Amino acid sequence: GPWESVTGHHSPLFQGSQDTGNQTYLNTDFAM
């Protein structure tokens, strides 16, 4: 969300190809 310094979808279904580190956990598939 806009609390971050770069754009990103607030509710991605899957991990993004640019996601690294803890960012790899920030998606619906991982949470479910």
Full PDB file with SEQRES, HELIX, SHEET, SSBOND, CRYST1, ORIGX, SCALE, CONECT and MASTER records, all heavy atoms in Angstrom:
SEQRES   1 A   32  GLY PRO TRP GLU SER VAL THR GLY HIS HIS SER PRO LEU          
SEQRES   2 A   32  PHE GLN GLY SER GLN ASP THR GLY ASN GLN THR TYR LEU          
SEQRES   3 A   32  ASN THR ASP PHE ALA MET                                      
HELIX    1 AA1 GLY A   21  TYR A   25  5                                   5    
HELIX    2 AA2 THR A   28  ALA A   31  1                                   4    
CRYST1    1.000    1.000    1.000  90.00  90.00  90.00 P 1           1          
ORIGX1      1.000000  0.000000  0.000000        0.00000                         
ORIGX2      0.000000  1.000000  0.000000        0.00000                         
ORIGX3      0.000000  0.000000  1.000000        0.00000                         
SCALE1      1.000000  0.000000  0.000000        0.00000                         
SCALE2      0.000000  1.000000  0.000000        0.00000                         
SCALE3      0.000000  0.000000  1.000000        0.00000                         
ATOM      1  N   GLY A   1       0.819  -1.202   0.000  1.00  0.00           N  
ATOM      2  CA  GLY A   1       0.000   0.000   0.000  1.00  0.00           C  
ATOM      3  C   GLY A   1       0.848   1.245   0.000  1.00  0.00           C  
ATOM      4  O   GLY A   1       2.088   1.176   0.003  1.00  0.00           O  
ATOM      5  N   PRO A   2       0.193   2.389   0.002  1.00  0.00           N  
ATOM      6  CA  PRO A   2       0.911   3.656  -0.137  1.00  0.00           C  
ATOM      7  C   PRO A   2       1.769   4.044   1.069  1.00  0.00           C  
ATOM      8  O   PRO A   2       2.377   5.094   1.076  1.00  0.00           O  
ATOM      9  CB  PRO A   2      -0.209   4.668  -0.382  1.00  0.00           C  
ATOM     10  CG  PRO A   2      -1.449   4.029   0.101  1.00  0.00           C  
ATOM     11  CD  PRO A   2      -1.251   2.554  -0.013  1.00  0.00           C  
ATOM     12  N   TRP A   3       1.851   3.205   2.054  1.00  0.00           N  
ATOM     13  CA  TRP A   3       2.794   3.398   3.156  1.00  0.00           C  
ATOM     14  C   TRP A   3       4.192   2.969   2.725  1.00  0.00           C  
ATOM     15  O   TRP A   3       5.153   3.196   3.435  1.00  0.00           O  
ATOM     16  CB  TRP A   3       2.342   2.627   4.402  1.00  0.00           C  
ATOM     17  CG  TRP A   3       2.007   1.190   4.111  1.00  0.00           C  
ATOM     18  CD1 TRP A   3       2.879   0.127   4.084  1.00  0.00           C  
ATOM     19  CD2 TRP A   3       0.728   0.667   3.771  1.00  0.00           C  
ATOM     20  NE1 TRP A   3       2.210  -1.022   3.744  1.00  0.00           N  
ATOM     21  CE2 TRP A   3       0.878  -0.716   3.553  1.00  0.00           C  
ATOM     22  CE3 TRP A   3      -0.537   1.231   3.639  1.00  0.00           C  
ATOM     23  CZ2 TRP A   3      -0.186  -1.550   3.207  1.00  0.00           C  
ATOM     24  CZ3 TRP A   3      -1.587   0.396   3.292  1.00  0.00           C  
ATOM     25  CH2 TRP A   3      -1.413  -0.973   3.081  1.00  0.00           C  
ATOM     26  N   GLU A   4       4.285   2.352   1.536  1.00  0.00           N  
ATOM     27  CA  GLU A   4       5.570   1.937   0.985  1.00  0.00           C  
ATOM     28  C   GLU A   4       6.041   2.968  -0.036  1.00  0.00           C  
ATOM     29  O   GLU A   4       5.258   3.762  -0.540  1.00  0.00           O  
ATOM     30  CB  GLU A   4       5.438   0.561   0.334  1.00  0.00           C  
ATOM     31  CG  GLU A   4       5.034  -0.522   1.325  1.00  0.00           C  
ATOM     32  CD  GLU A   4       4.723  -1.847   0.664  1.00  0.00           C  
ATOM     33  OE1 GLU A   4       3.910  -1.882  -0.281  1.00  0.00           O  
ATOM     34  OE2 GLU A   4       5.292  -2.852   1.105  1.00  0.00           O  
ATOM     35  N   SER A   5       7.301   2.909  -0.386  1.00  0.00           N  
ATOM     36  CA  SER A   5       7.879   3.905  -1.300  1.00  0.00           C  
ATOM     37  C   SER A   5       7.832   3.483  -2.767  1.00  0.00           C  
ATOM     38  O   SER A   5       8.336   4.200  -3.630  1.00  0.00           O  
ATOM     39  CB  SER A   5       9.325   4.208  -0.897  1.00  0.00           C  
ATOM     40  OG  SER A   5      10.108   3.021  -0.968  1.00  0.00           O  
ATOM     41  N   VAL A   6       7.254   2.319  -3.035  1.00  0.00           N  
ATOM     42  CA  VAL A   6       7.091   1.837  -4.412  1.00  0.00           C  
ATOM     43  C   VAL A   6       5.698   1.248  -4.571  1.00  0.00           C  
ATOM     44  O   VAL A   6       5.068   0.832  -3.593  1.00  0.00           O  
ATOM     45  CB  VAL A   6       8.151   0.775  -4.796  1.00  0.00           C  
ATOM     46  CG1 VAL A   6       9.550   1.360  -4.786  1.00  0.00           C  
ATOM     47  CG2 VAL A   6       8.069  -0.434  -3.885  1.00  0.00           C  
ATOM     48  N   THR A   7       5.215   1.197  -5.808  1.00  0.00           N  
ATOM     49  CA  THR A   7       3.901   0.634  -6.080  1.00  0.00           C  
ATOM     50  C   THR A   7       3.898  -0.878  -5.904  1.00  0.00           C  
ATOM     51  O   THR A   7       4.915  -1.540  -6.112  1.00  0.00           O  
ATOM     52  CB  THR A   7       3.441   0.969  -7.514  1.00  0.00           C  
ATOM     53  OG1 THR A   7       4.377   0.399  -8.434  1.00  0.00           O  
ATOM     54  CG2 THR A   7       3.332   2.464  -7.735  1.00  0.00           C  
ATOM     55  N   GLY A   8       2.765  -1.400  -5.520  1.00  0.00           N  
ATOM     56  CA  GLY A   8       2.581  -2.838  -5.394  1.00  0.00           C  
ATOM     57  C   GLY A   8       1.114  -3.128  -5.192  1.00  0.00           C  
ATOM     58  O   GLY A   8       0.398  -2.350  -4.554  1.00  0.00           O  
ATOM     59  N   HIS A   9       0.659  -4.235  -5.734  1.00  0.00           N  
ATOM     60  CA  HIS A   9      -0.759  -4.593  -5.605  1.00  0.00           C  
ATOM     61  C   HIS A   9      -1.037  -5.014  -4.169  1.00  0.00           C  
ATOM     62  O   HIS A   9      -0.302  -5.792  -3.587  1.00  0.00           O  
ATOM     63  CB  HIS A   9      -1.119  -5.713  -6.574  1.00  0.00           C  
ATOM     64  CG  HIS A   9      -2.588  -5.813  -6.819  1.00  0.00           C  
ATOM     65  ND1 HIS A   9      -3.455  -6.346  -5.878  1.00  0.00           N  
ATOM     66  CD2 HIS A   9      -3.348  -5.435  -7.865  1.00  0.00           C  
ATOM     67  CE1 HIS A   9      -4.683  -6.297  -6.359  1.00  0.00           C  
ATOM     68  NE2 HIS A   9      -4.649  -5.739  -7.570  1.00  0.00           N  
ATOM     69  N   HIS A  10      -2.126  -4.512  -3.621  1.00  0.00           N  
ATOM     70  CA  HIS A  10      -2.463  -4.794  -2.221  1.00  0.00           C  
ATOM     71  C   HIS A  10      -2.956  -6.217  -1.994  1.00  0.00           C  
ATOM     72  O   HIS A  10      -2.941  -6.707  -0.876  1.00  0.00           O  
ATOM     73  CB  HIS A  10      -3.503  -3.789  -1.705  1.00  0.00           C  
ATOM     74  CG  HIS A  10      -4.851  -3.927  -2.332  1.00  0.00           C  
ATOM     75  ND1 HIS A  10      -5.095  -3.638  -3.653  1.00  0.00           N  
ATOM     76  CD2 HIS A  10      -6.025  -4.340  -1.818  1.00  0.00           C  
ATOM     77  CE1 HIS A  10      -6.361  -3.861  -3.926  1.00  0.00           C  
ATOM     78  NE2 HIS A  10      -6.950  -4.281  -2.817  1.00  0.00           N  
ATOM     79  N   SER A  11      -3.365  -6.907  -3.062  1.00  0.00           N  
ATOM     80  CA  SER A  11      -3.919  -8.248  -2.897  1.00  0.00           C  
ATOM     81  C   SER A  11      -3.498  -9.177  -4.043  1.00  0.00           C  
ATOM     82  O   SER A  11      -4.333  -9.740  -4.752  1.00  0.00           O  
ATOM     83  CB  SER A  11      -5.454  -8.165  -2.820  1.00  0.00           C  
ATOM     84  OG  SER A  11      -6.006  -9.418  -2.523  1.00  0.00           O  
ATOM     85  N   PRO A  12      -2.185  -9.360  -4.220  1.00  0.00           N  
ATOM     86  CA  PRO A  12      -1.739 -10.237  -5.306  1.00  0.00           C  
ATOM     87  C   PRO A  12      -2.075 -11.691  -4.989  1.00  0.00           C  
ATOM     88  O   PRO A  12      -1.978 -12.118  -3.835  1.00  0.00           O  
ATOM     89  CB  PRO A  12      -0.224 -10.027  -5.331  1.00  0.00           C  
ATOM     90  CG  PRO A  12       0.124  -9.665  -3.919  1.00  0.00           C  
ATOM     91  CD  PRO A  12      -1.057  -8.868  -3.421  1.00  0.00           C  
ATOM     92  N   LEU A  13      -2.470 -12.430  -6.004  1.00  0.00           N  
ATOM     93  CA  LEU A  13      -2.774 -13.839  -5.782  1.00  0.00           C  
ATOM     94  C   LEU A  13      -1.482 -14.626  -5.546  1.00  0.00           C  
ATOM     95  O   LEU A  13      -1.423 -15.457  -4.646  1.00  0.00           O  
ATOM     96  CB  LEU A  13      -3.551 -14.419  -6.964  1.00  0.00           C  
ATOM     97  CG  LEU A  13      -3.985 -15.880  -6.838  1.00  0.00           C  
ATOM     98  CD1 LEU A  13      -4.764 -16.146  -5.553  1.00  0.00           C  
ATOM     99  CD2 LEU A  13      -4.808 -16.295  -8.055  1.00  0.00           C  
ATOM    100  N   PHE A  14      -0.457 -14.338  -6.333  1.00  0.00           N  
ATOM    101  CA  PHE A  14       0.795 -15.081  -6.231  1.00  0.00           C  
ATOM    102  C   PHE A  14       1.982 -14.145  -5.999  1.00  0.00           C  
ATOM    103  O   PHE A  14       1.878 -12.933  -6.192  1.00  0.00           O  
ATOM    104  CB  PHE A  14       1.039 -15.902  -7.514  1.00  0.00           C  
ATOM    105  CG  PHE A  14       0.010 -16.963  -7.746  1.00  0.00           C  
ATOM    106  CD1 PHE A  14      -0.911 -16.841  -8.771  1.00  0.00           C  
ATOM    107  CD2 PHE A  14      -0.049 -18.084  -6.933  1.00  0.00           C  
ATOM    108  CE1 PHE A  14      -1.871 -17.821  -8.992  1.00  0.00           C  
ATOM    109  CE2 PHE A  14      -1.011 -19.067  -7.148  1.00  0.00           C  
ATOM    110  CZ  PHE A  14      -1.925 -18.937  -8.187  1.00  0.00           C  
ATOM    111  N   GLN A  15       3.096 -14.731  -5.650  1.00  0.00           N  
ATOM    112  CA  GLN A  15       4.349 -14.001  -5.465  1.00  0.00           C  
ATOM    113  C   GLN A  15       4.759 -13.362  -6.789  1.00  0.00           C  
ATOM    114  O   GLN A  15       4.605 -13.959  -7.848  1.00  0.00           O  
ATOM    115  CB  GLN A  15       5.429 -14.990  -5.008  1.00  0.00           C  
ATOM    116  CG  GLN A  15       6.811 -14.401  -4.890  1.00  0.00           C  
ATOM    117  CD  GLN A  15       7.830 -15.452  -4.475  1.00  0.00           C  
ATOM    118  OE1 GLN A  15       7.507 -16.401  -3.779  1.00  0.00           O  
ATOM    119  NE2 GLN A  15       9.047 -15.282  -4.934  1.00  0.00           N  
ATOM    120  N   GLY A  16       5.279 -12.153  -6.711  1.00  0.00           N  
ATOM    121  CA  GLY A  16       5.757 -11.470  -7.893  1.00  0.00           C  
ATOM    122  C   GLY A  16       7.171 -11.882  -8.244  1.00  0.00           C  
ATOM    123  O   GLY A  16       7.960 -12.264  -7.371  1.00  0.00           O  
ATOM    124  N   SER A  17       7.512 -11.784  -9.505  1.00  0.00           N  
ATOM    125  CA  SER A  17       8.848 -12.187  -9.959  1.00  0.00           C  
ATOM    126  C   SER A  17       9.949 -11.302  -9.366  1.00  0.00           C  
ATOM    127  O   SER A  17      11.096 -11.719  -9.279  1.00  0.00           O  
ATOM    128  CB  SER A  17       8.914 -12.159 -11.484  1.00  0.00           C  
ATOM    129  OG  SER A  17       8.622 -10.851 -11.956  1.00  0.00           O  
ATOM    130  N   GLN A  18       9.602 -10.091  -8.936  1.00  0.00           N  
ATOM    131  CA  GLN A  18      10.588  -9.181  -8.351  1.00  0.00           C  
ATOM    132  C   GLN A  18      10.672  -9.303  -6.829  1.00  0.00           C  
ATOM    133  O   GLN A  18      11.512  -8.668  -6.200  1.00  0.00           O  
ATOM    134  CB  GLN A  18      10.256  -7.743  -8.720  1.00  0.00           C  
ATOM    135  CG  GLN A  18      10.273  -7.461 -10.196  1.00  0.00           C  
ATOM    136  CD  GLN A  18       9.814  -6.037 -10.509  1.00  0.00           C  
ATOM    137  OE1 GLN A  18       9.820  -5.169  -9.658  1.00  0.00           O  
ATOM    138  NE2 GLN A  18       9.410  -5.817 -11.741  1.00  0.00           N  
ATOM    139  N   ASP A  19       9.795 -10.109  -6.224  1.00  0.00           N  
ATOM    140  CA  ASP A  19       9.769 -10.232  -4.772  1.00  0.00           C  
ATOM    141  C   ASP A  19      10.980 -11.009  -4.269  1.00  0.00           C  
ATOM    142  O   ASP A  19      11.289 -12.086  -4.790  1.00  0.00           O  
ATOM    143  CB  ASP A  19       8.491 -10.943  -4.310  1.00  0.00           C  
ATOM    144  CG  ASP A  19       7.248 -10.127  -4.550  1.00  0.00           C  
ATOM    145  OD1 ASP A  19       7.362  -8.897  -4.733  1.00  0.00           O  
ATOM    146  OD2 ASP A  19       6.146 -10.714  -4.548  1.00  0.00           O  
ATOM    147  N   THR A  20      11.625 -10.460  -3.247  1.00  0.00           N  
ATOM    148  CA  THR A  20      12.760 -11.119  -2.613  1.00  0.00           C  
ATOM    149  C   THR A  20      12.617 -11.005  -1.097  1.00  0.00           C  
ATOM    150  O   THR A  20      11.847 -10.179  -0.594  1.00  0.00           O  
ATOM    151  CB  THR A  20      14.102 -10.480  -3.039  1.00  0.00           C  
ATOM    152  OG1 THR A  20      14.085  -9.095  -2.665  1.00  0.00           O  
ATOM    153  CG2 THR A  20      14.339 -10.607  -4.528  1.00  0.00           C  
ATOM    154  N   GLY A  21      13.363 -11.817  -0.372  1.00  0.00           N  
ATOM    155  CA  GLY A  21      13.349 -11.755   1.086  1.00  0.00           C  
ATOM    156  C   GLY A  21      11.947 -11.929   1.638  1.00  0.00           C  
ATOM    157  O   GLY A  21      11.180 -12.777   1.186  1.00  0.00           O  
ATOM    158  N   ASN A  22      11.589 -11.105   2.614  1.00  0.00           N  
ATOM    159  CA  ASN A  22      10.273 -11.185   3.240  1.00  0.00           C  
ATOM    160  C   ASN A  22       9.136 -10.831   2.296  1.00  0.00           C  
ATOM    161  O   ASN A  22       7.984 -11.185   2.553  1.00  0.00           O  
ATOM    162  CB  ASN A  22      10.210 -10.281   4.477  1.00  0.00           C  
ATOM    163  CG  ASN A  22      11.034 -10.831   5.616  1.00  0.00           C  
ATOM    164  OD1 ASN A  22      11.337 -12.022   5.672  1.00  0.00           O  
ATOM    165  ND2 ASN A  22      11.409  -9.960   6.543  1.00  0.00           N  
ATOM    166  N   GLN A  23       9.429 -10.154   1.196  1.00  0.00           N  
ATOM    167  CA  GLN A  23       8.392  -9.807   0.219  1.00  0.00           C  
ATOM    168  C   GLN A  23       7.756 -11.051  -0.390  1.00  0.00           C  
ATOM    169  O   GLN A  23       6.628 -11.005  -0.871  1.00  0.00           O  
ATOM    170  CB  GLN A  23       8.974  -8.924  -0.888  1.00  0.00           C  
ATOM    171  CG  GLN A  23       9.510  -7.584  -0.409  1.00  0.00           C  
ATOM    172  CD  GLN A  23       8.388  -6.642  -0.019  1.00  0.00           C  
ATOM    173  OE1 GLN A  23       7.419  -6.490  -0.746  1.00  0.00           O  
ATOM    174  NE2 GLN A  23       8.515  -6.028   1.142  1.00  0.00           N  
ATOM    175  N   THR A  24       8.480 -12.175  -0.378  1.00  0.00           N  
ATOM    176  CA  THR A  24       7.950 -13.404  -0.979  1.00  0.00           C  
ATOM    177  C   THR A  24       6.747 -13.949  -0.207  1.00  0.00           C  
ATOM    178  O   THR A  24       6.018 -14.790  -0.723  1.00  0.00           O  
ATOM    179  CB  THR A  24       9.026 -14.498  -1.070  1.00  0.00           C  
ATOM    180  OG1 THR A  24       9.487 -14.816   0.249  1.00  0.00           O  
ATOM    181  CG2 THR A  24      10.200 -14.036  -1.932  1.00  0.00           C  
ATOM    182  N   TYR A  25       6.540 -13.472   1.019  1.00  0.00           N  
ATOM    183  CA  TYR A  25       5.411 -13.926   1.830  1.00  0.00           C  
ATOM    184  C   TYR A  25       4.159 -13.070   1.626  1.00  0.00           C  
ATOM    185  O   TYR A  25       3.097 -13.419   2.122  1.00  0.00           O  
ATOM    186  CB  TYR A  25       5.758 -13.892   3.319  1.00  0.00           C  
ATOM    187  CG  TYR A  25       7.034 -14.597   3.680  1.00  0.00           C  
ATOM    188  CD1 TYR A  25       8.017 -13.954   4.407  1.00  0.00           C  
ATOM    189  CD2 TYR A  25       7.259 -15.924   3.296  1.00  0.00           C  
ATOM    190  CE1 TYR A  25       9.191 -14.611   4.751  1.00  0.00           C  
ATOM    191  CE2 TYR A  25       8.428 -16.577   3.621  1.00  0.00           C  
ATOM    192  CZ  TYR A  25       9.396 -15.913   4.353  1.00  0.00           C  
ATOM    193  OH  TYR A  25      10.557 -16.554   4.685  1.00  0.00           O  
ATOM    194  N   LEU A  26       4.292 -11.953   0.938  1.00  0.00           N  
ATOM    195  CA  LEU A  26       3.211 -10.977   0.855  1.00  0.00           C  
ATOM    196  C   LEU A  26       2.301 -11.230  -0.347  1.00  0.00           C  
ATOM    197  O   LEU A  26       2.248 -10.454  -1.298  1.00  0.00           O  
ATOM    198  CB  LEU A  26       3.788  -9.560   0.820  1.00  0.00           C  
ATOM    199  CG  LEU A  26       4.658  -9.192   2.023  1.00  0.00           C  
ATOM    200  CD1 LEU A  26       5.197  -7.772   1.884  1.00  0.00           C  
ATOM    201  CD2 LEU A  26       3.891  -9.356   3.324  1.00  0.00           C  
ATOM    202  N   ASN A  27       1.589 -12.351  -0.296  1.00  0.00           N  
ATOM    203  CA  ASN A  27       0.639 -12.693  -1.349  1.00  0.00           C  
ATOM    204  C   ASN A  27      -0.399 -13.669  -0.809  1.00  0.00           C  
ATOM    205  O   ASN A  27      -0.196 -14.320   0.213  1.00  0.00           O  
ATOM    206  CB  ASN A  27       1.364 -13.256  -2.580  1.00  0.00           C  
ATOM    207  CG  ASN A  27       2.116 -14.529  -2.263  1.00  0.00           C  
ATOM    208  OD1 ASN A  27       1.512 -15.596  -2.186  1.00  0.00           O  
ATOM    209  ND2 ASN A  27       3.427 -14.428  -2.076  1.00  0.00           N  
ATOM    210  N   THR A  28      -1.509 -13.736  -1.481  1.00  0.00           N  
ATOM    211  CA  THR A  28      -2.642 -14.543  -1.058  1.00  0.00           C  
ATOM    212  C   THR A  28      -2.295 -16.023  -0.990  1.00  0.00           C  
ATOM    213  O   THR A  28      -2.635 -16.701  -0.017  1.00  0.00           O  
ATOM    214  CB  THR A  28      -3.829 -14.302  -2.016  1.00  0.00           C  
ATOM    215  OG1 THR A  28      -4.168 -12.915  -1.958  1.00  0.00           O  
ATOM    216  CG2 THR A  28      -5.022 -15.148  -1.674  1.00  0.00           C  
ATOM    217  N   ASP A  29      -1.627 -16.529  -2.016  1.00  0.00           N  
ATOM    218  CA  ASP A  29      -1.286 -17.950  -2.061  1.00  0.00           C  
ATOM    219  C   ASP A  29      -0.462 -18.345  -0.844  1.00  0.00           C  
ATOM    220  O   ASP A  29      -0.745 -19.361  -0.203  1.00  0.00           O  
ATOM    221  CB  ASP A  29      -0.539 -18.256  -3.360  1.00  0.00           C  
ATOM    222  CG  ASP A  29      -0.094 -19.701  -3.457  1.00  0.00           C  
ATOM    223  OD1 ASP A  29      -0.957 -20.594  -3.343  1.00  0.00           O  
ATOM    224  OD2 ASP A  29       1.119 -19.940  -3.638  1.00  0.00           O  
ATOM    225  N   PHE A  30       0.539 -17.558  -0.497  1.00  0.00           N  
ATOM    226  CA  PHE A  30       1.361 -17.895   0.666  1.00  0.00           C  
ATOM    227  C   PHE A  30       0.511 -17.914   1.933  1.00  0.00           C  
ATOM    228  O   PHE A  30       0.607 -18.830   2.753  1.00  0.00           O  
ATOM    229  CB  PHE A  30       2.536 -16.924   0.850  1.00  0.00           C  
ATOM    230  CG  PHE A  30       3.351 -17.261   2.070  1.00  0.00           C  
ATOM    231  CD1 PHE A  30       4.341 -18.220   2.008  1.00  0.00           C  
ATOM    232  CD2 PHE A  30       3.070 -16.664   3.296  1.00  0.00           C  
ATOM    233  CE1 PHE A  30       5.056 -18.572   3.148  1.00  0.00           C  
ATOM    234  CE2 PHE A  30       3.773 -17.008   4.438  1.00  0.00           C  
ATOM    235  CZ  PHE A  30       4.770 -17.968   4.367  1.00  0.00           C  
ATOM    236  N   ALA A  31      -0.340 -16.897   2.117  1.00  0.00           N  
ATOM    237  CA  ALA A  31      -1.150 -16.801   3.333  1.00  0.00           C  
ATOM    238  C   ALA A  31      -2.102 -17.994   3.459  1.00  0.00           C  
ATOM    239  O   ALA A  31      -2.238 -18.584   4.540  1.00  0.00           O  
ATOM    240  CB  ALA A  31      -1.933 -15.491   3.338  1.00  0.00           C  
ATOM    241  N   MET A  32      -2.745 -18.356   2.372  1.00  0.00           N  
ATOM    242  CA  MET A  32      -3.695 -19.469   2.426  1.00  0.00           C  
ATOM    243  C   MET A  32      -2.971 -20.798   2.666  1.00  0.00           C  
ATOM    244  O   MET A  32      -3.426 -21.628   3.461  1.00  0.00           O  
ATOM    245  CB  MET A  32      -4.527 -19.525   1.139  1.00  0.00           C  
ATOM    246  CG  MET A  32      -5.421 -18.308   0.913  1.00  0.00           C  
ATOM    247  SD  MET A  32      -6.597 -17.972   2.239  1.00  0.00           S  
ATOM    248  CE  MET A  32      -7.747 -19.337   2.023  1.00  0.00           C  
TER     249      MET A  32                                                      
MASTER        0    0    0    2    0    0    0    6  248    1    0    3          
END                                                                             
